[in-house]
Amino acid sequence: MLYSWDQNAPQTRRAADLIEEGDVAEGVYASQVGGATRRAPHLTKSNEDYIESIYRIMQEHNAMDGVRSVDVAEQLGVSKASVNKAVSTLRDAGYVEQNRYGRIQLTDTGLVYAKRVWRCHRMLRLFLVRDLGVDPKVADEEACLMEHALSDDTQDRWLAYLEKQGIAVED
């Protein structure tokens, strides 16, 4: 069954097709939510924030050997104990690994998921600042709230809309 908001809209792909086509890594799955495809509904907003933070720190510090939990705690403004609890949950779900020195690394599944959340965040922030004139600091905070609510289908459509406007949100 293909999901679509209306018959005139382009059809979205089934969750199984997303996985088979490699758009979603093994272990990250999609489901139908209100007619749109969503990613890994078992992850909470908080868990998505942790995955996104780990990815951002890896990118900012070129830390392909993983990140320290203290850096994640600092970026998110939470305790190290909170990070350790979240990492345990994410590790059990297959999104992160922790080496013997305690550095946190995203699994392939976690990396795909984190890239998607971070790209959505940047897309929303860009749209809010550029098209709506929202203050960049406010736009960043609001993008962080909104990124968790968008389905993959809506995110893809929004990205396509921005690309038609000549605006690219790179991976």
Foldseek 3Di string as FASTA:
>chain_A
DWFDPDPVDDTDDDQVVCDVVPLADPLWTWDADPRFTAIDPVDDLVLLLLLLLFVVVCVVVVPQVAAALVSSCVVVVHDSVVSVVSLVVCVVSQQWDADPVGGIHGDPNSVSSNVLLVLQLVLQLCCCCPVVVDDSVVSNVVSSVCSNPDGPVRSVVSQVVVVVVVDHRDD
